[in-house]
Amino acid sequence: MAKDYSVQGTTKLQREKYISDAIALSTLDAPEPSDTAKKLMGEYIDGKCELSAARERMIEHYKAEAANA
């Protein structure tokens, strides 16, 4: 059975744990997430947006950044 990562299906404490675990895994051999990524993760933890929306906003941010490079 798949985990429910939705804001409605989780507590703030669970969302903090999910993000903490994800950051720990992703930074094993990579730099720390950007400030923009941290802000979006914080919005998910605070229940202001779903994880899928934060991911889409992050993708759009990097696309715009690449287009302006």
PDB file of N, CA and C in Angstrom:
ATOM      1  N   MET A   1       0.834  -1.182   0.000  1.00  0.00           N
ATOM      2  CA  MET A   1       0.000   0.000   0.000  1.00  0.00           C
ATOM      3  C   MET A   1       0.881   1.249   0.000  1.00  0.00           C
ATOM      4  N   ALA A   2       0.563   2.197  -0.856  1.00  0.00           N
ATOM      5  CA  ALA A   2       1.356   3.412  -0.993  1.00  0.00           C
ATOM      6  C   ALA A   2       1.090   4.367   0.162  1.00  0.00           C
ATOM      7  N   LYS A   3       2.129   5.112   0.534  1.00  0.00           N
ATOM      8  CA  LYS A   3       1.980   6.117   1.585  1.00  0.00           C
ATOM      9  C   LYS A   3       1.200   7.309   1.056  1.00  0.00           C
ATOM     10  N   ASP A   4       0.469   7.937   1.948  1.00  0.00           N
ATOM     11  CA  ASP A   4      -0.267   9.151   1.617  1.00  0.00           C
ATOM     12  C   ASP A   4       0.580  10.339   2.064  1.00  0.00           C
ATOM     13  N   TYR A   5       1.089  11.095   1.105  1.00  0.00           N
ATOM     14  CA  TYR A   5       1.916  12.252   1.410  1.00  0.00           C
ATOM     15  C   TYR A   5       1.124  13.562   1.338  1.00  0.00           C
ATOM     16  N   SER A   6      -0.192  13.461   1.127  1.00  0.00           N
ATOM     17  CA  SER A   6      -1.005  14.669   0.993  1.00  0.00           C
ATOM     18  C   SER A   6      -1.053  15.426   2.310  1.00  0.00           C
ATOM     19  N   VAL A   7      -1.299  16.724   2.217  1.00  0.00           N
ATOM     20  CA  VAL A   7      -1.404  17.558   3.406  1.00  0.00           C
ATOM     21  C   VAL A   7      -2.547  17.041   4.283  1.00  0.00           C
ATOM     22  N   GLN A   8      -3.655  16.718   3.677  1.00  0.00           N
ATOM     23  CA  GLN A   8      -4.821  16.245   4.422  1.00  0.00           C
ATOM     24  C   GLN A   8      -4.571  14.889   5.083  1.00  0.00           C
ATOM     25  N   GLY A   9      -3.756  14.066   4.469  1.00  0.00           N
ATOM     26  CA  GLY A   9      -3.517  12.717   4.971  1.00  0.00           C
ATOM     27  C   GLY A   9      -2.329  12.589   5.902  1.00  0.00           C
ATOM     28  N   THR A  10      -1.701  13.708   6.258  1.00  0.00           N
ATOM     29  CA  THR A  10      -0.514  13.676   7.112  1.00  0.00           C
ATOM     30  C   THR A  10      -0.598  14.766   8.178  1.00  0.00           C
ATOM     31  N   THR A  11       0.216  14.597   9.199  1.00  0.00           N
ATOM     32  CA  THR A  11       0.363  15.649  10.204  1.00  0.00           C
ATOM     33  C   THR A  11       1.597  16.479   9.847  1.00  0.00           C
ATOM     34  N   LYS A  12       1.715  17.631  10.458  1.00  0.00           N
ATOM     35  CA  LYS A  12       2.896  18.463  10.211  1.00  0.00           C
ATOM     36  C   LYS A  12       4.161  17.712  10.610  1.00  0.00           C
ATOM     37  N   LEU A  13       4.103  16.984  11.708  1.00  0.00           N
ATOM     38  CA  LEU A  13       5.255  16.214  12.163  1.00  0.00           C
ATOM     39  C   LEU A  13       5.662  15.161  11.141  1.00  0.00           C
ATOM     40  N   GLN A  14       4.687  14.482  10.542  1.00  0.00           N
ATOM     41  CA  GLN A  14       4.995  13.489   9.504  1.00  0.00           C
ATOM     42  C   GLN A  14       5.627  14.167   8.287  1.00  0.00           C
ATOM     43  N   ARG A  15       5.070  15.319   7.877  1.00  0.00           N
ATOM     44  CA  ARG A  15       5.631  16.020   6.717  1.00  0.00           C
ATOM     45  C   ARG A  15       7.058  16.467   6.995  1.00  0.00           C
ATOM     46  N   GLU A  16       7.334  16.937   8.208  1.00  0.00           N
ATOM     47  CA  GLU A  16       8.707  17.313   8.571  1.00  0.00           C
ATOM     48  C   GLU A  16       9.639  16.114   8.442  1.00  0.00           C
ATOM     49  N   LYS A  17       9.190  14.951   8.889  1.00  0.00           N
ATOM     50  CA  LYS A  17      10.005  13.725   8.813  1.00  0.00           C
ATOM     51  C   LYS A  17      10.240  13.316   7.360  1.00  0.00           C
ATOM     52  N   TYR A  18       9.193  13.364   6.544  1.00  0.00           N
ATOM     53  CA  TYR A  18       9.346  13.018   5.125  1.00  0.00           C
ATOM     54  C   TYR A  18      10.391  13.912   4.452  1.00  0.00           C
ATOM     55  N   ILE A  19      10.296  15.215   4.703  1.00  0.00           N
ATOM     56  CA  ILE A  19      11.232  16.162   4.079  1.00  0.00           C
ATOM     57  C   ILE A  19      12.639  15.960   4.636  1.00  0.00           C
ATOM     58  N   SER A  20      12.751  15.777   5.929  1.00  0.00           N
ATOM     59  CA  SER A  20      14.065  15.549   6.541  1.00  0.00           C
ATOM     60  C   SER A  20      14.728  14.306   5.955  1.00  0.00           C
ATOM     61  N   ASP A  21      13.972  13.224   5.828  1.00  0.00           N
ATOM     62  CA  ASP A  21      14.514  11.996   5.250  1.00  0.00           C
ATOM     63  C   ASP A  21      14.919  12.210   3.788  1.00  0.00           C
ATOM     64  N   ALA A  22      14.090  12.923   3.039  1.00  0.00           N
ATOM     65  CA  ALA A  22      14.381  13.171   1.627  1.00  0.00           C
ATOM     66  C   ALA A  22      15.654  13.999   1.468  1.00  0.00           C
ATOM     67  N   ILE A  23      15.814  15.016   2.298  1.00  0.00           N
ATOM     68  CA  ILE A  23      17.020  15.858   2.229  1.00  0.00           C
ATOM     69  C   ILE A  23      18.250  15.024   2.598  1.00  0.00           C
ATOM     70  N   ALA A  24      18.135  14.213   3.618  1.00  0.00           N
ATOM     71  CA  ALA A  24      19.271  13.377   4.031  1.00  0.00           C
ATOM     72  C   ALA A  24      19.717  12.464   2.895  1.00  0.00           C
ATOM     73  N   LEU A  25      18.765  11.850   2.226  1.00  0.00           N
ATOM     74  CA  LEU A  25      19.106  10.961   1.115  1.00  0.00           C
ATOM     75  C   LEU A  25      19.668  11.722  -0.080  1.00  0.00           C
ATOM     76  N   SER A  26      19.065  12.849  -0.399  1.00  0.00           N
ATOM     77  CA  SER A  26      19.476  13.574  -1.605  1.00  0.00           C
ATOM     78  C   SER A  26      20.821  14.261  -1.445  1.00  0.00           C
ATOM     79  N   THR A  27      21.242  14.552  -0.227  1.00  0.00           N
ATOM     80  CA  THR A  27      22.505  15.262  -0.038  1.00  0.00           C
ATOM     81  C   THR A  27      23.675  14.342   0.292  1.00  0.00           C
ATOM     82  N   LEU A  28      23.471  13.031   0.164  1.00  0.00           N
ATOM     83  CA  LEU A  28      24.574  12.113   0.418  1.00  0.00           C
ATOM     84  C   LEU A  28      25.754  12.391  -0.503  1.00  0.00           C
ATOM     85  N   ASP A  29      25.460  12.695  -1.752  1.00  0.00           N
ATOM     86  CA  ASP A  29      26.532  12.957  -2.709  1.00  0.00           C
ATOM     87  C   ASP A  29      26.171  14.146  -3.595  1.00  0.00           C
ATOM     88  N   ALA A  30      25.520  15.137  -2.977  1.00  0.00           N
ATOM     89  CA  ALA A  30      25.067  16.308  -3.732  1.00  0.00           C
ATOM     90  C   ALA A  30      25.038  17.523  -2.805  1.00  0.00           C
ATOM     91  N   PRO A  31      24.979  18.698  -3.393  1.00  0.00           N
ATOM     92  CA  PRO A  31      24.925  19.907  -2.560  1.00  0.00           C
ATOM     93  C   PRO A  31      23.578  20.032  -1.843  1.00  0.00           C
ATOM     94  N   GLU A  32      23.564  20.882  -0.841  1.00  0.00           N
ATOM     95  CA  GLU A  32      22.334  21.187  -0.094  1.00  0.00           C
ATOM     96  C   GLU A  32      21.303  21.805  -1.034  1.00  0.00           C
ATOM     97  N   PRO A  33      20.006  21.579  -0.786  1.00  0.00           N
ATOM     98  CA  PRO A  33      18.973  22.183  -1.641  1.00  0.00           C
ATOM     99  C   PRO A  33      19.076  23.710  -1.652  1.00  0.00           C
ATOM    100  N   SER A  34      18.608  24.291  -2.737  1.00  0.00           N
ATOM    101  CA  SER A  34      18.629  25.750  -2.869  1.00  0.00           C
ATOM    102  C   SER A  34      17.653  26.389  -1.893  1.00  0.00           C
ATOM    103  N   ASP A  35      17.787  27.693  -1.711  1.00  0.00           N
ATOM    104  CA  ASP A  35      16.863  28.426  -0.847  1.00  0.00           C
ATOM    105  C   ASP A  35      15.431  28.328  -1.368  1.00  0.00           C
ATOM    106  N   THR A  36      15.284  28.348  -2.683  1.00  0.00           N
ATOM    107  CA  THR A  36      13.949  28.217  -3.283  1.00  0.00           C
ATOM    108  C   THR A  36      13.349  26.859  -2.941  1.00  0.00           C
ATOM    109  N   ALA A  37      14.142  25.812  -3.061  1.00  0.00           N
ATOM    110  CA  ALA A  37      13.660  24.471  -2.729  1.00  0.00           C
ATOM    111  C   ALA A  37      13.291  24.376  -1.250  1.00  0.00           C
ATOM    112  N   LYS A  38      14.114  24.962  -0.395  1.00  0.00           N
ATOM    113  CA  LYS A  38      13.825  24.946   1.045  1.00  0.00           C
ATOM    114  C   LYS A  38      12.524  25.687   1.347  1.00  0.00           C
ATOM    115  N   LYS A  39      12.300  26.799   0.669  1.00  0.00           N
ATOM    116  CA  LYS A  39      11.072  27.570   0.872  1.00  0.00           C
ATOM    117  C   LYS A  39       9.853  26.724   0.480  1.00  0.00           C
ATOM    118  N   LEU A  40       9.933  26.068  -0.657  1.00  0.00           N
ATOM    119  CA  LEU A  40       8.823  25.227  -1.112  1.00  0.00           C
ATOM    120  C   LEU A  40       8.593  24.039  -0.181  1.00  0.00           C
ATOM    121  N   MET A  41       9.665  23.451   0.319  1.00  0.00           N
ATOM    122  CA  MET A  41       9.520  22.353   1.272  1.00  0.00           C
ATOM    123  C   MET A  41       8.847  22.851   2.550  1.00  0.00           C
ATOM    124  N   GLY A  42       9.208  24.055   2.969  1.00  0.00           N
ATOM    125  CA  GLY A  42       8.589  24.649   4.146  1.00  0.00           C
ATOM    126  C   GLY A  42       7.101  24.885   3.951  1.00  0.00           C
ATOM    127  N   GLU A  43       6.717  25.293   2.751  1.00  0.00           N
ATOM    128  CA  GLU A  43       5.296  25.497   2.462  1.00  0.00           C
ATOM    129  C   GLU A  43       4.536  24.174   2.536  1.00  0.00           C
ATOM    130  N   TYR A  44       5.133  23.106   2.049  1.00  0.00           N
ATOM    131  CA  TYR A  44       4.515  21.780   2.150  1.00  0.00           C
ATOM    132  C   TYR A  44       4.397  21.370   3.624  1.00  0.00           C
ATOM    133  N   ILE A  45       5.467  21.513   4.372  1.00  0.00           N
ATOM    134  CA  ILE A  45       5.447  21.151   5.793  1.00  0.00           C
ATOM    135  C   ILE A  45       4.358  21.929   6.529  1.00  0.00           C
ATOM    136  N   ASP A  46       4.226  23.212   6.221  1.00  0.00           N
ATOM    137  CA  ASP A  46       3.225  24.056   6.885  1.00  0.00           C
ATOM    138  C   ASP A  46       1.805  23.806   6.379  1.00  0.00           C
ATOM    139  N   GLY A  47       1.665  22.948   5.372  1.00  0.00           N
ATOM    140  CA  GLY A  47       0.343  22.624   4.850  1.00  0.00           C
ATOM    141  C   GLY A  47      -0.212  23.662   3.894  1.00  0.00           C
ATOM    142  N   LYS A  48       0.652  24.533   3.362  1.00  0.00           N
ATOM    143  CA  LYS A  48       0.208  25.588   2.448  1.00  0.00           C
ATOM    144  C   LYS A  48       0.087  25.110   1.008  1.00  0.00           C
ATOM    145  N   CYS A  49       0.750  24.009   0.675  1.00  0.00           N
ATOM    146  CA  CYS A  49       0.647  23.452  -0.674  1.00  0.00           C
ATOM    147  C   CYS A  49       0.953  21.965  -0.626  1.00  0.00           C
ATOM    148  N   GLU A  50       0.436  21.260  -1.596  1.00  0.00           N
ATOM    149  CA  GLU A  50       0.699  19.826  -1.701  1.00  0.00           C
ATOM    150  C   GLU A  50       2.115  19.611  -2.244  1.00  0.00           C
ATOM    151  N   LEU A  51       2.658  18.464  -1.979  1.00  0.00           N
ATOM    152  CA  LEU A  51       3.995  18.111  -2.449  1.00  0.00           C
ATOM    153  C   LEU A  51       4.077  18.168  -3.967  1.00  0.00           C
ATOM    154  N   SER A  52       3.039  17.697  -4.639  1.00  0.00           N
ATOM    155  CA  SER A  52       3.037  17.723  -6.106  1.00  0.00           C
ATOM    156  C   SER A  52       3.075  19.158  -6.634  1.00  0.00           C
ATOM    157  N   ALA A  53       2.385  20.075  -5.973  1.00  0.00           N
ATOM    158  CA  ALA A  53       2.402  21.483  -6.389  1.00  0.00           C
ATOM    159  C   ALA A  53       3.779  22.097  -6.146  1.00  0.00           C
ATOM    160  N   ALA A  54       4.388  21.761  -5.028  1.00  0.00           N
ATOM    161  CA  ALA A  54       5.732  22.269  -4.736  1.00  0.00           C
ATOM    162  C   ALA A  54       6.720  21.764  -5.782  1.00  0.00           C
ATOM    163  N   ARG A  55       6.590  20.495  -6.153  1.00  0.00           N
ATOM    164  CA  ARG A  55       7.477  19.918  -7.183  1.00  0.00           C
ATOM    165  C   ARG A  55       7.305  20.641  -8.514  1.00  0.00           C
ATOM    166  N   GLU A  56       6.060  20.878  -8.917  1.00  0.00           N
ATOM    167  CA  GLU A  56       5.796  21.578 -10.178  1.00  0.00           C
ATOM    168  C   GLU A  56       6.356  23.003 -10.145  1.00  0.00           C
ATOM    169  N   ARG A  57       6.190  23.684  -9.033  1.00  0.00           N
ATOM    170  CA  ARG A  57       6.736  25.046  -8.912  1.00  0.00           C
ATOM    171  C   ARG A  57       8.258  25.038  -8.982  1.00  0.00           C
ATOM    172  N   MET A  58       8.882  24.015  -8.408  1.00  0.00           N
ATOM    173  CA  MET A  58      10.338  23.905  -8.453  1.00  0.00           C
ATOM    174  C   MET A  58      10.816  23.670  -9.889  1.00  0.00           C
ATOM    175  N   ILE A  59      10.118  22.814 -10.618  1.00  0.00           N
ATOM    176  CA  ILE A  59      10.457  22.546 -12.018  1.00  0.00           C
ATOM    177  C   ILE A  59      10.339  23.835 -12.828  1.00  0.00           C
ATOM    178  N   GLU A  60       9.259  24.570 -12.635  1.00  0.00           N
ATOM    179  CA  GLU A  60       9.070  25.833 -13.350  1.00  0.00           C
ATOM    180  C   GLU A  60      10.159  26.840 -13.002  1.00  0.00           C
ATOM    181  N   HIS A  61      10.559  26.865 -11.741  1.00  0.00           N
ATOM    182  CA  HIS A  61      11.637  27.769 -11.309  1.00  0.00           C
ATOM    183  C   HIS A  61      12.937  27.451 -12.063  1.00  0.00           C
ATOM    184  N   TYR A  62      13.287  26.177 -12.123  1.00  0.00           N
ATOM    185  CA  TYR A  62      14.525  25.800 -12.798  1.00  0.00           C
ATOM    186  C   TYR A  62      14.442  26.010 -14.308  1.00  0.00           C
ATOM    187  N   LYS A  63      13.267  25.810 -14.881  1.00  0.00           N
ATOM    188  CA  LYS A  63      13.100  26.090 -16.322  1.00  0.00           C
ATOM    189  C   LYS A  63      13.312  27.570 -16.603  1.00  0.00           C
ATOM    190  N   ALA A  64      12.727  28.421 -15.770  1.00  0.00           N
ATOM    191  CA  ALA A  64      12.870  29.868 -15.961  1.00  0.00           C
ATOM    192  C   ALA A  64      14.327  30.290 -15.731  1.00  0.00           C
ATOM    193  N   GLU A  65      14.963  29.691 -14.742  1.00  0.00           N
ATOM    194  CA  GLU A  65      16.367  29.991 -14.465  1.00  0.00           C
ATOM    195  C   GLU A  65      17.244  29.593 -15.650  1.00  0.00           C
ATOM    196  N   ALA A  66      16.979  28.447 -16.237  1.00  0.00           N
ATOM    197  CA  ALA A  66      17.761  27.974 -17.392  1.00  0.00           C
ATOM    198  C   ALA A  66      17.516  28.848 -18.607  1.00  0.00           C
ATOM    199  N   ALA A  67      16.288  29.315 -18.775  1.00  0.00           N
ATOM    200  CA  ALA A  67      15.959  30.161 -19.922  1.00  0.00           C
ATOM    201  C   ALA A  67      16.636  31.529 -19.823  1.00  0.00           C
ATOM    202  N   ASN A  68      16.884  31.972 -18.598  1.00  0.00           N
ATOM    203  CA  ASN A  68      17.523  33.281 -18.387  1.00  0.00           C
ATOM    204  C   ASN A  68      19.035  33.186 -18.323  1.00  0.00           C
ATOM    205  N   ALA A  69      19.579  31.997 -18.418  1.00  0.00           N
ATOM    206  CA  ALA A  69      21.036  31.826 -18.319  1.00  0.00           C
ATOM    207  C   ALA A  69      21.722  32.123 -19.624  1.00  0.00           C
TER     208      ALA A  69
END
